[in-house]
C-alpha atoms as a PDB file:
ATOM      1  CA  MET A   1     -31.286   3.948  42.821  1.00  0.00           C
ATOM      2  CA  LEU A   2     -27.990   2.554  44.113  1.00  0.00           C
ATOM      3  CA  GLU A   3     -26.775   6.049  45.067  1.00  0.00           C
ATOM      4  CA  ASN A   4     -29.901   6.569  47.164  1.00  0.00           C
ATOM      5  CA  ILE A   5     -29.533   3.205  48.882  1.00  0.00           C
ATOM      6  CA  PHE A   6     -25.881   3.883  49.712  1.00  0.00           C
ATOM      7  CA  GLY A   7     -26.855   7.264  51.134  1.00  0.00           C
ATOM      8  CA  LEU A   8     -29.598   5.808  53.306  1.00  0.00           C
ATOM      9  CA  ILE A   9     -27.306   3.086  54.653  1.00  0.00           C
ATOM     10  CA  LEU A  10     -24.525   5.588  55.353  1.00  0.00           C
ATOM     11  CA  LYS A  11     -26.912   7.867  57.239  1.00  0.00           C
ATOM     12  CA  GLU A  12     -28.390   4.912  59.126  1.00  0.00           C
ATOM     13  CA  ILE A  13     -24.994   3.668  60.316  1.00  0.00           C
ATOM     14  CA  ARG A  14     -23.819   7.183  61.169  1.00  0.00           C
ATOM     15  CA  SER A  15     -26.985   7.829  63.184  1.00  0.00           C
ATOM     16  CA  GLU A  16     -26.743   4.476  65.000  1.00  0.00           C
ATOM     17  CA  LYS A  17     -23.248   5.442  66.105  1.00  0.00           C
ATOM     18  CA  ASN A  18     -24.383   8.955  67.125  1.00  0.00           C
ATOM     19  CA  ILE A  19     -21.860  10.623  64.836  1.00  0.00           C
ATOM     20  CA  SER A  20     -22.703  13.950  63.214  1.00  0.00           C
ATOM     21  CA  GLN A  21     -21.872  14.640  59.590  1.00  0.00           C
ATOM     22  CA  GLU A  22     -19.218  17.057  60.844  1.00  0.00           C
ATOM     23  CA  LYS A  23     -17.554  14.400  63.005  1.00  0.00           C
ATOM     24  CA  LEU A  24     -17.750  11.794  60.246  1.00  0.00           C
ATOM     25  CA  ALA A  25     -16.113  14.275  57.896  1.00  0.00           C
ATOM     26  CA  GLU A  26     -13.380  14.924  60.448  1.00  0.00           C
ATOM     27  CA  PHE A  27     -12.801  11.226  61.178  1.00  0.00           C
ATOM     28  CA  SER A  28     -12.742  10.283  57.476  1.00  0.00           C
ATOM     29  CA  ASN A  29     -10.841  13.341  56.240  1.00  0.00           C
ATOM     30  CA  LEU A  30     -13.680  14.145  53.828  1.00  0.00           C
ATOM     31  CA  ASP A  31     -15.651  17.358  53.435  1.00  0.00           C
ATOM     32  CA  ARG A  32     -18.927  17.603  55.361  1.00  0.00           C
ATOM     33  CA  THR A  33     -20.769  18.774  52.244  1.00  0.00           C
ATOM     34  CA  TYR A  34     -19.556  15.657  50.424  1.00  0.00           C
ATOM     35  CA  ILE A  35     -20.940  13.485  53.245  1.00  0.00           C
ATOM     36  CA  SER A  36     -24.262  15.296  52.828  1.00  0.00           C
ATOM     37  CA  LEU A  37     -24.231  14.739  49.054  1.00  0.00           C
ATOM     38  CA  LEU A  38     -23.542  11.029  49.584  1.00  0.00           C
ATOM     39  CA  GLU A  39     -26.347  10.695  52.119  1.00  0.00           C
ATOM     40  CA  ARG A  40     -28.800  12.412  49.785  1.00  0.00           C
ATOM     41  CA  GLY A  41     -27.840  10.123  46.911  1.00  0.00           C
ATOM     42  CA  LEU A  42     -26.408  12.947  44.825  1.00  0.00           C
ATOM     43  CA  ARG A  43     -22.896  11.478  44.641  1.00  0.00           C
ATOM     44  CA  GLN A  44     -21.410   7.997  44.393  1.00  0.00           C
ATOM     45  CA  PRO A  45     -18.448   7.093  46.579  1.00  0.00           C
ATOM     46  CA  THR A  46     -15.139   5.931  45.193  1.00  0.00           C
ATOM     47  CA  LEU A  47     -13.482   2.820  46.574  1.00  0.00           C
ATOM     48  CA  THR A  48     -11.116   5.064  48.545  1.00  0.00           C
ATOM     49  CA  THR A  49     -14.084   6.919  50.022  1.00  0.00           C
ATOM     50  CA  ILE A  50     -15.754   3.656  51.049  1.00  0.00           C
ATOM     51  CA  PHE A  51     -12.588   2.641  52.906  1.00  0.00           C
ATOM     52  CA  LYS A  52     -12.300   6.063  54.607  1.00  0.00           C
ATOM     53  CA  LEU A  53     -15.956   6.041  55.671  1.00  0.00           C
ATOM     54  CA  SER A  54     -15.733   2.468  56.929  1.00  0.00           C
ATOM     55  CA  ALA A  55     -12.679   3.228  59.035  1.00  0.00           C
ATOM     56  CA  ALA A  56     -14.339   6.350  60.450  1.00  0.00           C
ATOM     57  CA  LEU A  57     -17.486   4.362  61.288  1.00  0.00           C
ATOM     58  CA  GLN A  58     -15.407   1.515  62.738  1.00  0.00           C
ATOM     59  CA  ILE A  59     -16.836  -1.120  60.427  1.00  0.00           C
ATOM     60  CA  THR A  60     -15.239  -3.044  57.594  1.00  0.00           C
ATOM     61  CA  PRO A  61     -15.745  -1.962  54.000  1.00  0.00           C
ATOM     62  CA  GLN A  62     -17.289  -5.395  53.475  1.00  0.00           C
ATOM     63  CA  GLU A  63     -19.937  -4.703  56.142  1.00  0.00           C
ATOM     64  CA  LEU A  64     -20.841  -1.385  54.539  1.00  0.00           C
ATOM     65  CA  ILE A  65     -21.098  -2.845  51.040  1.00  0.00           C
ATOM     66  CA  HIS A  66     -23.013  -5.874  52.308  1.00  0.00           C
ATOM     67  CA  LYS A  67     -25.650  -3.633  53.920  1.00  0.00           C
ATOM     68  CA  VAL A  68     -25.986  -1.707  50.656  1.00  0.00           C
ATOM     69  CA  TYR A  69     -26.207  -4.966  48.695  1.00  0.00           C
ATOM     70  CA  GLU A  70     -28.931  -6.368  50.958  1.00  0.00           C
ATOM     71  CA  SER A  71     -31.011  -3.199  50.676  1.00  0.00           C
ATOM     72  CA  TYR A  72     -30.516  -3.142  46.918  1.00  0.00           C
ATOM     73  CA  GLN A  73     -31.693  -6.753  46.592  1.00  0.00           C
ATOM     74  CA  HIS A  74     -34.723  -6.023  48.755  1.00  0.00           C
ATOM     75  CA  ALA A  75     -35.581  -2.902  46.707  1.00  0.00           C
ATOM     76  CA  LYS A  76     -35.513  -4.872  43.437  1.00  0.00           C
ATOM     77  CA  LYS A  77     -38.326  -7.182  44.637  1.00  0.00           C
END
């Protein structure tokens, strides 16, 4: 469940910023297929990955995790 929530939040933020998976991969120095796996909830990010994605999306790691946390809390209800 948490993997899916992280993926949805990542895709949501990326879409809001009009960044393609390819550009996010380039900006974060991650593989585009890995970005896709994260967004589909098939992989869990490491702490390093969270920091890379946050920097590429120009948000803090705290903001990213907080959005995931809020969605997770809402999903549990």
